[in-house]
Amino acid sequence: MVRFVTDEDGYWHVKRFIESHNHELASPADRHLLRSCRNVIEEKASVLKSMTNAGIRTVDAYAYLAEEVGGCENVGFSKRDAYNLIQKEKRARIEIGDTNSLIQLFKDRQVEDHMFAWDVQYDDQDRLLNFFWVDGRSRIDYECFGDVLIFDTSYRLNKYNFVCAPFVGVNNHWQNILFGLLFCQKKQLKVLHGCLKYLYE
C-alpha cells in the first residue's frame, strides 16, 4: 500500500508505504489477461469485422491475429473480447432495421403460405407498438382443436419491453399446439380481441 500527499508547491511525496501489502505484478505472459491491459484497437477490430463478414468464424479470425503478432499475449485483447465485439456489431446491424426486417419476413412468409396472416400497429411516432402472426398450419389446427384457447402472458419482457403472448390450444393427443403469437407492450394487451379475427376468418 502506498499513500501520497502533495505539498504547497504541488510536488508529490510518499507519506506511507507498506511493502508487506504488495504482491508480485502479473508476469508478461499473463499481462494480456488484465482488464487494464486489454484494448481492441481500431485496426485489429477492422480486421476482425472484415474476416467475420466474409464468413470466417470469430475463433479463426482471432487465431489469425494471434499468429500475426506472435501469440495471444501480443494481440492486446482476449478471445472473449473478440466475440463481444462481433456480437455487438451484429446486434447493431439488426437493430438499425429490425422493424423493416420483421415486416419483410412476414411478407416473405405470406408468399410461401397463402394462409399466413399478420398485423402490426405503430404509435404516432412510427414506433412499433405490437405485432401478431398466424400461419396456415395454426389456422387449420384452430379449426380442428379451437374449443379451448389459452392466452398466456406470463413470459418475461424482452429488450424492447414487449411481452410474448402465444395463443395455445391442445390437440387430440393432449399436445400443446400454437394457434398464433402476439408481441406487444404490457399496456397494449387490449389488442388481443383484434388478433382473434385472424383465427376466425
C-alpha atoms as a PDB file:
ATOM      1  CA  MET A   1       0.000   0.000   0.000  1.00  0.00           C
ATOM      2  CA  VAL A   2       1.303   3.447  -0.850  1.00  0.00           C
ATOM      3  CA  ARG A   3      -0.157   6.820   0.103  1.00  0.00           C
ATOM      4  CA  PHE A   4       0.884  10.121  -1.465  1.00  0.00           C
ATOM      5  CA  VAL A   5       0.431  13.729  -0.385  1.00  0.00           C
ATOM      6  CA  THR A   6       1.066  16.930  -2.286  1.00  0.00           C
ATOM      7  CA  ASP A   7       2.868  19.880  -0.759  1.00  0.00           C
ATOM      8  CA  GLU A   8       2.139  23.591  -1.245  1.00  0.00           C
ATOM      9  CA  ASP A   9       4.246  23.675  -4.397  1.00  0.00           C
ATOM     10  CA  GLY A  10       2.314  20.789  -5.946  1.00  0.00           C
ATOM     11  CA  TYR A  11       5.019  18.147  -5.510  1.00  0.00           C
ATOM     12  CA  TRP A  12       4.010  14.605  -4.604  1.00  0.00           C
ATOM     13  CA  HIS A  13       5.602  12.876  -1.606  1.00  0.00           C
ATOM     14  CA  VAL A  14       5.191   9.362  -0.302  1.00  0.00           C
ATOM     15  CA  LYS A  15       3.516   9.642   3.075  1.00  0.00           C
ATOM     16  CA  ARG A  16       3.122   5.962   3.815  1.00  0.00           C
ATOM     17  CA  PHE A  17       4.452   2.783   2.210  1.00  0.00           C
ATOM     18  CA  ILE A  18       3.756  -0.744   3.454  1.00  0.00           C
ATOM     19  CA  GLU A  19       5.751  -3.261   1.456  1.00  0.00           C
ATOM     20  CA  SER A  20       4.196  -6.339   3.058  1.00  0.00           C
ATOM     21  CA  HIS A  21       0.829  -5.491   1.490  1.00  0.00           C
ATOM     22  CA  ASN A  22       2.282  -5.590  -2.026  1.00  0.00           C
ATOM     23  CA  HIS A  23       2.200  -8.603  -4.293  1.00  0.00           C
ATOM     24  CA  GLU A  24       4.052  -9.531  -7.423  1.00  0.00           C
ATOM     25  CA  LEU A  25       2.875  -7.876 -10.596  1.00  0.00           C
ATOM     26  CA  ALA A  26       1.448 -10.000 -13.354  1.00  0.00           C
ATOM     27  CA  SER A  27       4.086 -11.739 -15.427  1.00  0.00           C
ATOM     28  CA  PRO A  28       4.491 -10.648 -19.058  1.00  0.00           C
ATOM     29  CA  ALA A  29       2.879 -13.937 -20.131  1.00  0.00           C
ATOM     30  CA  ASP A  30      -0.274 -13.145 -18.098  1.00  0.00           C
ATOM     31  CA  ARG A  31      -0.417  -9.378 -18.592  1.00  0.00           C
ATOM     32  CA  HIS A  32      -2.756  -9.632 -21.597  1.00  0.00           C
ATOM     33  CA  LEU A  33      -5.420 -11.118 -19.290  1.00  0.00           C
ATOM     34  CA  LEU A  34      -5.647  -7.972 -17.140  1.00  0.00           C
ATOM     35  CA  ARG A  35      -8.620  -5.748 -17.994  1.00  0.00           C
ATOM     36  CA  SER A  36      -6.473  -2.622 -17.818  1.00  0.00           C
ATOM     37  CA  CYS A  37      -4.150  -4.017 -20.488  1.00  0.00           C
ATOM     38  CA  ARG A  38      -6.867  -5.158 -22.903  1.00  0.00           C
ATOM     39  CA  ASN A  39      -7.965  -2.853 -25.672  1.00  0.00           C
ATOM     40  CA  VAL A  40      -9.376  -3.660 -29.112  1.00  0.00           C
ATOM     41  CA  ILE A  41      -7.683  -1.076 -31.295  1.00  0.00           C
ATOM     42  CA  GLU A  42      -9.469   0.077 -34.459  1.00  0.00           C
ATOM     43  CA  GLU A  43      -7.042  -1.636 -36.876  1.00  0.00           C
ATOM     44  CA  LYS A  44      -7.499  -5.064 -35.308  1.00  0.00           C
ATOM     45  CA  ALA A  45     -11.232  -4.520 -34.876  1.00  0.00           C
ATOM     46  CA  SER A  46     -11.436  -3.752 -38.598  1.00  0.00           C
ATOM     47  CA  VAL A  47      -9.620  -6.994 -39.457  1.00  0.00           C
ATOM     48  CA  LEU A  48     -11.938  -8.979 -37.182  1.00  0.00           C
ATOM     49  CA  LYS A  49     -15.052  -7.418 -38.704  1.00  0.00           C
ATOM     50  CA  SER A  50     -13.836  -7.938 -42.270  1.00  0.00           C
ATOM     51  CA  MET A  51     -12.972 -11.582 -41.677  1.00  0.00           C
ATOM     52  CA  THR A  52     -16.249 -12.419 -39.921  1.00  0.00           C
ATOM     53  CA  ASN A  53     -18.254 -10.567 -42.583  1.00  0.00           C
ATOM     54  CA  ALA A  54     -16.507 -12.785 -45.143  1.00  0.00           C
ATOM     55  CA  GLY A  55     -17.826 -15.864 -43.315  1.00  0.00           C
ATOM     56  CA  ILE A  56     -14.742 -16.710 -41.240  1.00  0.00           C
ATOM     57  CA  ARG A  57     -15.528 -17.815 -37.690  1.00  0.00           C
ATOM     58  CA  THR A  58     -14.577 -15.416 -34.902  1.00  0.00           C
ATOM     59  CA  VAL A  59     -12.298 -18.002 -33.274  1.00  0.00           C
ATOM     60  CA  ASP A  60     -10.376 -18.448 -36.548  1.00  0.00           C
ATOM     61  CA  ALA A  61     -10.129 -14.684 -37.105  1.00  0.00           C
ATOM     62  CA  TYR A  62      -8.718 -14.288 -33.594  1.00  0.00           C
ATOM     63  CA  ALA A  63      -6.272 -17.159 -34.195  1.00  0.00           C
ATOM     64  CA  TYR A  64      -5.085 -15.388 -37.359  1.00  0.00           C
ATOM     65  CA  LEU A  65      -4.454 -12.158 -35.428  1.00  0.00           C
ATOM     66  CA  ALA A  66      -2.609 -14.088 -32.714  1.00  0.00           C
ATOM     67  CA  GLU A  67      -0.395 -15.793 -35.281  1.00  0.00           C
ATOM     68  CA  GLU A  68       0.401 -12.453 -36.958  1.00  0.00           C
ATOM     69  CA  VAL A  69       1.734 -10.917 -33.713  1.00  0.00           C
ATOM     70  CA  GLY A  70       3.400 -13.983 -32.229  1.00  0.00           C
ATOM     71  CA  GLY A  71       0.798 -15.308 -29.786  1.00  0.00           C
ATOM     72  CA  CYS A  72      -2.375 -14.444 -27.861  1.00  0.00           C
ATOM     73  CA  GLU A  73      -0.407 -12.456 -25.297  1.00  0.00           C
ATOM     74  CA  ASN A  74       0.580  -9.946 -28.003  1.00  0.00           C
ATOM     75  CA  VAL A  75      -2.860  -9.391 -29.563  1.00  0.00           C
ATOM     76  CA  GLY A  76      -3.877  -6.831 -26.943  1.00  0.00           C
ATOM     77  CA  PHE A  77      -7.246  -8.375 -26.100  1.00  0.00           C
ATOM     78  CA  SER A  78      -8.737 -11.740 -25.270  1.00  0.00           C
ATOM     79  CA  LYS A  79     -10.767 -14.140 -27.378  1.00  0.00           C
ATOM     80  CA  ARG A  80     -13.831 -13.213 -25.313  1.00  0.00           C
ATOM     81  CA  ASP A  81     -13.273  -9.536 -26.219  1.00  0.00           C
ATOM     82  CA  ALA A  82     -13.267 -10.534 -29.901  1.00  0.00           C
ATOM     83  CA  TYR A  83     -16.549 -12.433 -29.513  1.00  0.00           C
ATOM     84  CA  ASN A  84     -18.111  -9.488 -27.661  1.00  0.00           C
ATOM     85  CA  LEU A  85     -17.047  -7.063 -30.397  1.00  0.00           C
ATOM     86  CA  ILE A  86     -18.529  -9.216 -33.184  1.00  0.00           C
ATOM     87  CA  GLN A  87     -21.777  -9.807 -31.264  1.00  0.00           C
ATOM     88  CA  LYS A  88     -22.122  -6.078 -30.619  1.00  0.00           C
ATOM     89  CA  GLU A  89     -21.674  -5.397 -34.343  1.00  0.00           C
ATOM     90  CA  LYS A  90     -24.297  -7.994 -35.274  1.00  0.00           C
ATOM     91  CA  ARG A  91     -26.801  -6.607 -32.783  1.00  0.00           C
ATOM     92  CA  ALA A  92     -26.243  -3.077 -34.076  1.00  0.00           C
ATOM     93  CA  ARG A  93     -26.869  -4.202 -37.667  1.00  0.00           C
ATOM     94  CA  ILE A  94     -30.073  -5.992 -36.697  1.00  0.00           C
ATOM     95  CA  GLU A  95     -31.420  -3.176 -34.528  1.00  0.00           C
ATOM     96  CA  ILE A  96     -30.996  -0.495 -37.200  1.00  0.00           C
ATOM     97  CA  GLY A  97     -33.628  -2.097 -39.419  1.00  0.00           C
ATOM     98  CA  ASP A  98     -35.285  -4.602 -37.126  1.00  0.00           C
ATOM     99  CA  THR A  99     -38.850  -3.440 -37.825  1.00  0.00           C
ATOM    100  CA  ASN A 100     -38.279  -3.427 -41.586  1.00  0.00           C
ATOM    101  CA  SER A 101     -36.666  -6.864 -41.381  1.00  0.00           C
ATOM    102  CA  LEU A 102     -39.658  -8.200 -39.445  1.00  0.00           C
ATOM    103  CA  ILE A 103     -42.167  -6.875 -41.977  1.00  0.00           C
ATOM    104  CA  GLN A 104     -40.116  -8.257 -44.863  1.00  0.00           C
ATOM    105  CA  LEU A 105     -40.051 -11.637 -43.112  1.00  0.00           C
ATOM    106  CA  PHE A 106     -43.841 -11.547 -42.783  1.00  0.00           C
ATOM    107  CA  LYS A 107     -44.218 -10.649 -46.466  1.00  0.00           C
ATOM    108  CA  ASP A 108     -41.906 -13.496 -47.495  1.00  0.00           C
ATOM    109  CA  ARG A 109     -43.839 -15.955 -45.341  1.00  0.00           C
ATOM    110  CA  GLN A 110     -47.111 -14.770 -46.894  1.00  0.00           C
ATOM    111  CA  VAL A 111     -45.754 -15.577 -50.365  1.00  0.00           C
ATOM    112  CA  GLU A 112     -44.814 -19.104 -49.234  1.00  0.00           C
ATOM    113  CA  ASP A 113     -48.004 -19.720 -47.224  1.00  0.00           C
ATOM    114  CA  HIS A 114     -51.206 -18.108 -48.615  1.00  0.00           C
ATOM    115  CA  MET A 115     -52.939 -18.646 -45.235  1.00  0.00           C
ATOM    116  CA  PHE A 116     -50.235 -16.763 -43.341  1.00  0.00           C
ATOM    117  CA  ALA A 117     -51.683 -13.592 -41.762  1.00  0.00           C
ATOM    118  CA  TRP A 118     -50.010 -10.814 -39.840  1.00  0.00           C
ATOM    119  CA  ASP A 119     -50.667  -7.378 -38.497  1.00  0.00           C
ATOM    120  CA  VAL A 120     -48.606  -4.606 -36.904  1.00  0.00           C
ATOM    121  CA  GLN A 121     -49.527  -1.415 -35.084  1.00  0.00           C
ATOM    122  CA  TYR A 122     -47.476   1.755 -34.808  1.00  0.00           C
ATOM    123  CA  ASP A 123     -47.740   4.722 -32.495  1.00  0.00           C
ATOM    124  CA  ASP A 124     -47.950   8.343 -33.677  1.00  0.00           C
ATOM    125  CA  GLN A 125     -44.127   8.455 -33.948  1.00  0.00           C
ATOM    126  CA  ASP A 126     -43.994   5.378 -36.207  1.00  0.00           C
ATOM    127  CA  ARG A 127     -42.634   3.135 -33.456  1.00  0.00           C
ATOM    128  CA  LEU A 128     -43.784  -0.464 -33.385  1.00  0.00           C
ATOM    129  CA  LEU A 129     -46.402  -0.990 -30.674  1.00  0.00           C
ATOM    130  CA  ASN A 130     -47.248  -4.639 -31.312  1.00  0.00           C
ATOM    131  CA  PHE A 131     -47.324  -7.332 -33.948  1.00  0.00           C
ATOM    132  CA  PHE A 132     -49.208 -10.572 -34.476  1.00  0.00           C
ATOM    133  CA  TRP A 133     -48.804 -13.506 -36.837  1.00  0.00           C
ATOM    134  CA  VAL A 134     -50.556 -16.779 -37.554  1.00  0.00           C
ATOM    135  CA  ASP A 135     -49.590 -19.328 -40.201  1.00  0.00           C
ATOM    136  CA  GLY A 136     -51.700 -21.741 -42.230  1.00  0.00           C
ATOM    137  CA  ARG A 137     -50.984 -24.743 -40.047  1.00  0.00           C
ATOM    138  CA  SER A 138     -52.037 -22.809 -36.946  1.00  0.00           C
ATOM    139  CA  ARG A 139     -55.316 -21.744 -38.573  1.00  0.00           C
ATOM    140  CA  ILE A 140     -56.120 -25.331 -39.571  1.00  0.00           C
ATOM    141  CA  ASP A 141     -55.249 -26.530 -36.049  1.00  0.00           C
ATOM    142  CA  TYR A 142     -57.515 -23.851 -34.611  1.00  0.00           C
ATOM    143  CA  GLU A 143     -60.379 -25.011 -36.822  1.00  0.00           C
ATOM    144  CA  CYS A 144     -59.929 -28.588 -35.579  1.00  0.00           C
ATOM    145  CA  PHE A 145     -58.944 -28.036 -31.943  1.00  0.00           C
ATOM    146  CA  GLY A 146     -60.005 -24.476 -31.118  1.00  0.00           C
ATOM    147  CA  ASP A 147     -62.566 -25.417 -28.459  1.00  0.00           C
ATOM    148  CA  VAL A 148     -60.229 -24.162 -25.737  1.00  0.00           C
ATOM    149  CA  LEU A 149     -57.905 -21.225 -26.314  1.00  0.00           C
ATOM    150  CA  ILE A 150     -55.228 -20.260 -23.816  1.00  0.00           C
ATOM    151  CA  PHE A 151     -53.743 -16.784 -23.987  1.00  0.00           C
ATOM    152  CA  ASP A 152     -50.540 -16.863 -21.906  1.00  0.00           C
ATOM    153  CA  THR A 153     -48.928 -13.525 -20.986  1.00  0.00           C
ATOM    154  CA  SER A 154     -46.643 -14.839 -18.250  1.00  0.00           C
ATOM    155  CA  TYR A 155     -43.459 -14.677 -20.341  1.00  0.00           C
ATOM    156  CA  ARG A 156     -40.792 -12.156 -19.399  1.00  0.00           C
ATOM    157  CA  LEU A 157     -40.430  -8.874 -21.256  1.00  0.00           C
ATOM    158  CA  ASN A 158     -37.701  -8.776 -23.890  1.00  0.00           C
ATOM    159  CA  LYS A 159     -35.211  -5.948 -24.515  1.00  0.00           C
ATOM    160  CA  TYR A 160     -37.867  -3.953 -26.396  1.00  0.00           C
ATOM    161  CA  ASN A 161     -40.168  -4.165 -23.364  1.00  0.00           C
ATOM    162  CA  PHE A 162     -42.534  -6.428 -25.333  1.00  0.00           C
ATOM    163  CA  VAL A 163     -44.336  -9.364 -23.802  1.00  0.00           C
ATOM    164  CA  CYS A 164     -44.620 -12.610 -25.762  1.00  0.00           C
ATOM    165  CA  ALA A 165     -48.240 -13.752 -25.657  1.00  0.00           C
ATOM    166  CA  PRO A 166     -48.889 -17.030 -27.527  1.00  0.00           C
ATOM    167  CA  PHE A 167     -52.353 -18.357 -28.358  1.00  0.00           C
ATOM    168  CA  VAL A 168     -52.161 -22.024 -27.383  1.00  0.00           C
ATOM    169  CA  GLY A 169     -54.531 -24.980 -27.513  1.00  0.00           C
ATOM    170  CA  VAL A 170     -54.461 -28.764 -27.086  1.00  0.00           C
ATOM    171  CA  ASN A 171     -54.832 -31.304 -29.885  1.00  0.00           C
ATOM    172  CA  ASN A 172     -56.381 -34.802 -29.766  1.00  0.00           C
ATOM    173  CA  HIS A 173     -53.089 -36.254 -28.440  1.00  0.00           C
ATOM    174  CA  TRP A 174     -53.074 -33.811 -25.487  1.00  0.00           C
ATOM    175  CA  GLN A 175     -50.141 -31.965 -27.004  1.00  0.00           C
ATOM    176  CA  ASN A 176     -49.826 -28.186 -26.900  1.00  0.00           C
ATOM    177  CA  ILE A 177     -50.287 -26.525 -30.274  1.00  0.00           C
ATOM    178  CA  LEU A 178     -49.626 -22.931 -31.267  1.00  0.00           C
ATOM    179  CA  PHE A 179     -52.537 -21.038 -32.820  1.00  0.00           C
ATOM    180  CA  GLY A 180     -50.775 -17.683 -33.176  1.00  0.00           C
ATOM    181  CA  LEU A 181     -48.349 -15.310 -31.495  1.00  0.00           C
ATOM    182  CA  LEU A 182     -48.685 -11.731 -30.288  1.00  0.00           C
ATOM    183  CA  PHE A 183     -45.826  -9.482 -29.213  1.00  0.00           C
ATOM    184  CA  CYS A 184     -46.952  -6.287 -27.546  1.00  0.00           C
ATOM    185  CA  GLN A 185     -46.227  -3.890 -24.747  1.00  0.00           C
ATOM    186  CA  LYS A 186     -47.906  -4.860 -21.482  1.00  0.00           C
ATOM    187  CA  LYS A 187     -50.312  -1.935 -21.687  1.00  0.00           C
ATOM    188  CA  GLN A 188     -51.305  -2.963 -25.231  1.00  0.00           C
ATOM    189  CA  LEU A 189     -52.842  -6.340 -24.327  1.00  0.00           C
ATOM    190  CA  LYS A 190     -56.226  -4.941 -25.319  1.00  0.00           C
ATOM    191  CA  VAL A 191     -55.281  -5.751 -28.951  1.00  0.00           C
ATOM    192  CA  LEU A 192     -55.994  -9.411 -28.105  1.00  0.00           C
ATOM    193  CA  HIS A 193     -59.529  -9.250 -29.482  1.00  0.00           C
ATOM    194  CA  GLY A 194     -58.338  -7.767 -32.758  1.00  0.00           C
ATOM    195  CA  CYS A 195     -55.914 -10.646 -33.222  1.00  0.00           C
ATOM    196  CA  LEU A 196     -58.615 -13.297 -32.833  1.00  0.00           C
ATOM    197  CA  LYS A 197     -60.245 -12.283 -36.128  1.00  0.00           C
ATOM    198  CA  TYR A 198     -57.302 -13.814 -37.968  1.00  0.00           C
ATOM    199  CA  LEU A 199     -58.107 -17.190 -36.425  1.00  0.00           C
ATOM    200  CA  TYR A 200     -61.842 -16.943 -37.105  1.00  0.00           C
ATOM    201  CA  GLU A 201     -61.601 -15.718 -40.715  1.00  0.00           C
END
